[in-house]
Amino acid sequence: MKHGSTSTPVILRRPQVEARTGLSRSTLYQYIQDGLFPRPVSLGARAVGWLESEVNTWIAARAKAVRPGTAPGR
């Protein structure tokens, strides 16, 4: 199943976000507090998740900052 801009938004839970970004839980929440990472969306009283598109955009921006002039996926 492909996830593009025309498909239904996908919500990632914290373990998935940690796996994709390589960030630990504490670093993830510190980045959110510092405004360096997208804020989670509330899924319920004690559950949050992140929009996959926002996480992907953050990852792409980090890659571009580290390797300016490099296209994503290279």
N, C-alpha and C. Protein backbone atom coordinates (compact mmCIF):
# COMPACT_ATOMS: atom_id res chain seq x y z
N MET A 1 0.84 -1.18 0.00
CA MET A 1 0.00 0.00 0.00
C MET A 1 0.88 1.24 0.00
N LYS A 2 0.65 2.12 -0.95
CA LYS A 2 1.43 3.35 -1.03
C LYS A 2 0.77 4.44 -0.20
N HIS A 3 1.61 5.29 0.40
CA HIS A 3 1.12 6.42 1.18
C HIS A 3 1.63 7.69 0.52
N GLY A 4 0.75 8.40 -0.12
CA GLY A 4 1.13 9.65 -0.78
C GLY A 4 0.31 10.79 -0.27
N SER A 5 0.45 11.92 -0.91
CA SER A 5 -0.25 13.12 -0.46
C SER A 5 -1.76 13.03 -0.72
N THR A 6 -2.20 12.12 -1.60
CA THR A 6 -3.62 12.00 -1.89
C THR A 6 -4.29 10.91 -1.08
N SER A 7 -3.53 10.15 -0.31
CA SER A 7 -4.12 9.06 0.47
C SER A 7 -4.50 9.54 1.86
N THR A 8 -5.16 8.68 2.58
CA THR A 8 -5.57 8.97 3.94
C THR A 8 -4.34 9.16 4.82
N PRO A 9 -4.36 10.16 5.70
CA PRO A 9 -3.21 10.37 6.59
C PRO A 9 -2.94 9.12 7.45
N VAL A 10 -1.67 8.86 7.67
CA VAL A 10 -1.25 7.71 8.47
C VAL A 10 -0.68 8.24 9.78
N ILE A 11 -1.10 7.62 10.87
CA ILE A 11 -0.62 7.99 12.20
C ILE A 11 0.43 6.98 12.64
N LEU A 12 1.58 7.48 13.09
CA LEU A 12 2.64 6.63 13.63
C LEU A 12 2.64 6.75 15.14
N ARG A 13 2.79 5.64 15.81
CA ARG A 13 2.92 5.65 17.26
C ARG A 13 4.39 5.86 17.62
N ARG A 14 4.65 6.17 18.89
CA ARG A 14 6.00 6.53 19.32
C ARG A 14 7.07 5.51 18.95
N PRO A 15 6.86 4.22 19.18
CA PRO A 15 7.92 3.27 18.79
C PRO A 15 8.25 3.32 17.30
N GLN A 16 7.24 3.55 16.47
CA GLN A 16 7.48 3.67 15.03
C GLN A 16 8.28 4.93 14.72
N VAL A 17 7.95 6.03 15.39
CA VAL A 17 8.67 7.29 15.18
C VAL A 17 10.12 7.13 15.63
N GLU A 18 10.33 6.50 16.77
CA GLU A 18 11.69 6.27 17.25
C GLU A 18 12.49 5.42 16.26
N ALA A 19 11.86 4.38 15.72
CA ALA A 19 12.54 3.51 14.77
C ALA A 19 12.89 4.26 13.48
N ARG A 20 11.99 5.09 13.00
CA ARG A 20 12.24 5.81 11.75
C ARG A 20 13.28 6.90 11.89
N THR A 21 13.28 7.58 13.04
CA THR A 21 14.17 8.72 13.21
C THR A 21 15.49 8.36 13.88
N GLY A 22 15.50 7.27 14.62
CA GLY A 22 16.70 6.91 15.38
C GLY A 22 16.81 7.68 16.68
N LEU A 23 15.77 8.43 17.04
CA LEU A 23 15.79 9.22 18.26
C LEU A 23 15.28 8.39 19.43
N SER A 24 15.82 8.65 20.61
CA SER A 24 15.31 8.00 21.81
C SER A 24 14.05 8.75 22.25
N ARG A 25 13.32 8.15 23.16
CA ARG A 25 12.10 8.79 23.67
C ARG A 25 12.40 10.16 24.28
N SER A 26 13.43 10.23 25.10
CA SER A 26 13.74 11.50 25.78
C SER A 26 14.17 12.57 24.77
N THR A 27 14.95 12.19 23.78
CA THR A 27 15.38 13.16 22.77
C THR A 27 14.20 13.61 21.93
N LEU A 28 13.33 12.69 21.59
CA LEU A 28 12.13 13.01 20.81
C LEU A 28 11.32 14.09 21.53
N TYR A 29 11.04 13.86 22.80
CA TYR A 29 10.23 14.84 23.55
C TYR A 29 10.99 16.14 23.81
N GLN A 30 12.29 16.09 23.94
CA GLN A 30 13.07 17.33 24.08
C GLN A 30 12.99 18.14 22.79
N TYR A 31 13.13 17.48 21.64
CA TYR A 31 13.01 18.16 20.35
C TYR A 31 11.63 18.79 20.19
N ILE A 32 10.59 18.10 20.63
CA ILE A 32 9.23 18.66 20.55
C ILE A 32 9.15 19.90 21.42
N GLN A 33 9.67 19.81 22.64
CA GLN A 33 9.64 20.95 23.56
C GLN A 33 10.40 22.15 22.99
N ASP A 34 11.51 21.87 22.29
CA ASP A 34 12.33 22.93 21.71
C ASP A 34 11.81 23.42 20.37
N GLY A 35 10.73 22.82 19.88
CA GLY A 35 10.16 23.21 18.60
C GLY A 35 10.92 22.67 17.41
N LEU A 36 11.70 21.61 17.61
CA LEU A 36 12.53 21.04 16.55
C LEU A 36 11.93 19.80 15.91
N PHE A 37 10.80 19.33 16.41
CA PHE A 37 10.16 18.14 15.88
C PHE A 37 8.65 18.36 15.92
N PRO A 38 7.91 17.79 14.96
CA PRO A 38 6.46 17.98 14.94
C PRO A 38 5.78 17.52 16.23
N ARG A 39 4.76 18.25 16.62
CA ARG A 39 3.99 17.89 17.81
C ARG A 39 3.09 16.71 17.49
N PRO A 40 2.87 15.84 18.46
CA PRO A 40 1.97 14.71 18.23
C PRO A 40 0.51 15.16 18.22
N VAL A 41 -0.34 14.32 17.67
CA VAL A 41 -1.78 14.56 17.70
C VAL A 41 -2.38 13.64 18.76
N SER A 42 -3.38 14.13 19.45
CA SER A 42 -4.02 13.34 20.49
C SER A 42 -4.92 12.30 19.84
N LEU A 43 -4.80 11.07 20.32
CA LEU A 43 -5.63 9.97 19.82
C LEU A 43 -6.63 9.52 20.88
N GLY A 44 -6.47 10.02 22.06
CA GLY A 44 -7.34 9.64 23.17
C GLY A 44 -6.79 10.22 24.45
N ALA A 45 -7.35 9.80 25.56
CA ALA A 45 -6.96 10.33 26.86
C ALA A 45 -5.47 10.11 27.15
N ARG A 46 -4.93 8.97 26.75
CA ARG A 46 -3.54 8.65 27.06
C ARG A 46 -2.78 8.14 25.86
N ALA A 47 -3.18 8.59 24.68
CA ALA A 47 -2.53 8.09 23.47
C ALA A 47 -2.27 9.24 22.50
N VAL A 48 -1.08 9.25 21.93
CA VAL A 48 -0.72 10.23 20.92
C VAL A 48 -0.07 9.52 19.74
N GLY A 49 -0.01 10.21 18.63
CA GLY A 49 0.65 9.69 17.45
C GLY A 49 1.12 10.87 16.61
N TRP A 50 1.93 10.58 15.63
CA TRP A 50 2.47 11.60 14.74
C TRP A 50 2.01 11.33 13.33
N LEU A 51 1.75 12.39 12.58
CA LEU A 51 1.41 12.23 11.18
C LEU A 51 2.64 11.77 10.43
N GLU A 52 2.51 10.70 9.70
CA GLU A 52 3.62 10.14 8.95
C GLU A 52 4.22 11.18 8.01
N SER A 53 3.38 11.98 7.38
CA SER A 53 3.87 12.99 6.43
C SER A 53 4.76 14.01 7.12
N GLU A 54 4.41 14.42 8.36
CA GLU A 54 5.24 15.38 9.09
C GLU A 54 6.57 14.77 9.51
N VAL A 55 6.54 13.51 9.91
CA VAL A 55 7.78 12.82 10.29
C VAL A 55 8.68 12.68 9.07
N ASN A 56 8.10 12.29 7.93
CA ASN A 56 8.87 12.16 6.70
C ASN A 56 9.48 13.49 6.27
N THR A 57 8.72 14.57 6.41
CA THR A 57 9.23 15.91 6.07
C THR A 57 10.39 16.28 6.98
N TRP A 58 10.29 15.97 8.27
CA TRP A 58 11.36 16.25 9.22
C TRP A 58 12.61 15.47 8.85
N ILE A 59 12.45 14.18 8.54
CA ILE A 59 13.59 13.35 8.16
C ILE A 59 14.26 13.91 6.91
N ALA A 60 13.46 14.29 5.92
CA ALA A 60 14.02 14.84 4.68
C ALA A 60 14.77 16.14 4.94
N ALA A 61 14.23 16.98 5.82
CA ALA A 61 14.90 18.25 6.15
C ALA A 61 16.23 18.00 6.85
N ARG A 62 16.26 17.01 7.75
CA ARG A 62 17.51 16.68 8.44
C ARG A 62 18.55 16.17 7.45
N ALA A 63 18.12 15.32 6.52
CA ALA A 63 19.04 14.79 5.52
C ALA A 63 19.58 15.91 4.64
N LYS A 64 18.72 16.85 4.28
CA LYS A 64 19.15 17.97 3.44
C LYS A 64 20.13 18.87 4.19
N ALA A 65 19.91 19.06 5.50
CA ALA A 65 20.79 19.89 6.30
C ALA A 65 22.18 19.26 6.42
N VAL A 66 22.21 17.94 6.50
CA VAL A 66 23.48 17.22 6.64
C VAL A 66 24.20 17.12 5.30
N ARG A 67 23.41 16.95 4.24
CA ARG A 67 23.97 16.77 2.89
C ARG A 67 23.32 17.75 1.93
N PRO A 68 23.67 19.03 2.03
CA PRO A 68 23.08 20.02 1.14
C PRO A 68 23.32 19.67 -0.32
N GLY A 69 22.30 19.88 -1.13
CA GLY A 69 22.44 19.63 -2.57
C GLY A 69 22.22 18.19 -2.96
N THR A 70 21.91 17.31 -1.99
CA THR A 70 21.67 15.92 -2.29
C THR A 70 20.17 15.68 -2.33
N ALA A 71 19.70 15.05 -3.38
CA ALA A 71 18.29 14.73 -3.50
C ALA A 71 17.94 13.60 -2.54
N PRO A 72 16.70 13.60 -1.98
CA PRO A 72 16.30 12.52 -1.08
C PRO A 72 16.43 11.17 -1.78
N GLY A 73 16.86 10.17 -1.05
CA GLY A 73 16.99 8.83 -1.58
C GLY A 73 18.33 8.56 -2.23
N ARG A 74 19.25 9.49 -2.18
CA ARG A 74 20.58 9.29 -2.78
C ARG A 74 21.63 9.18 -1.71
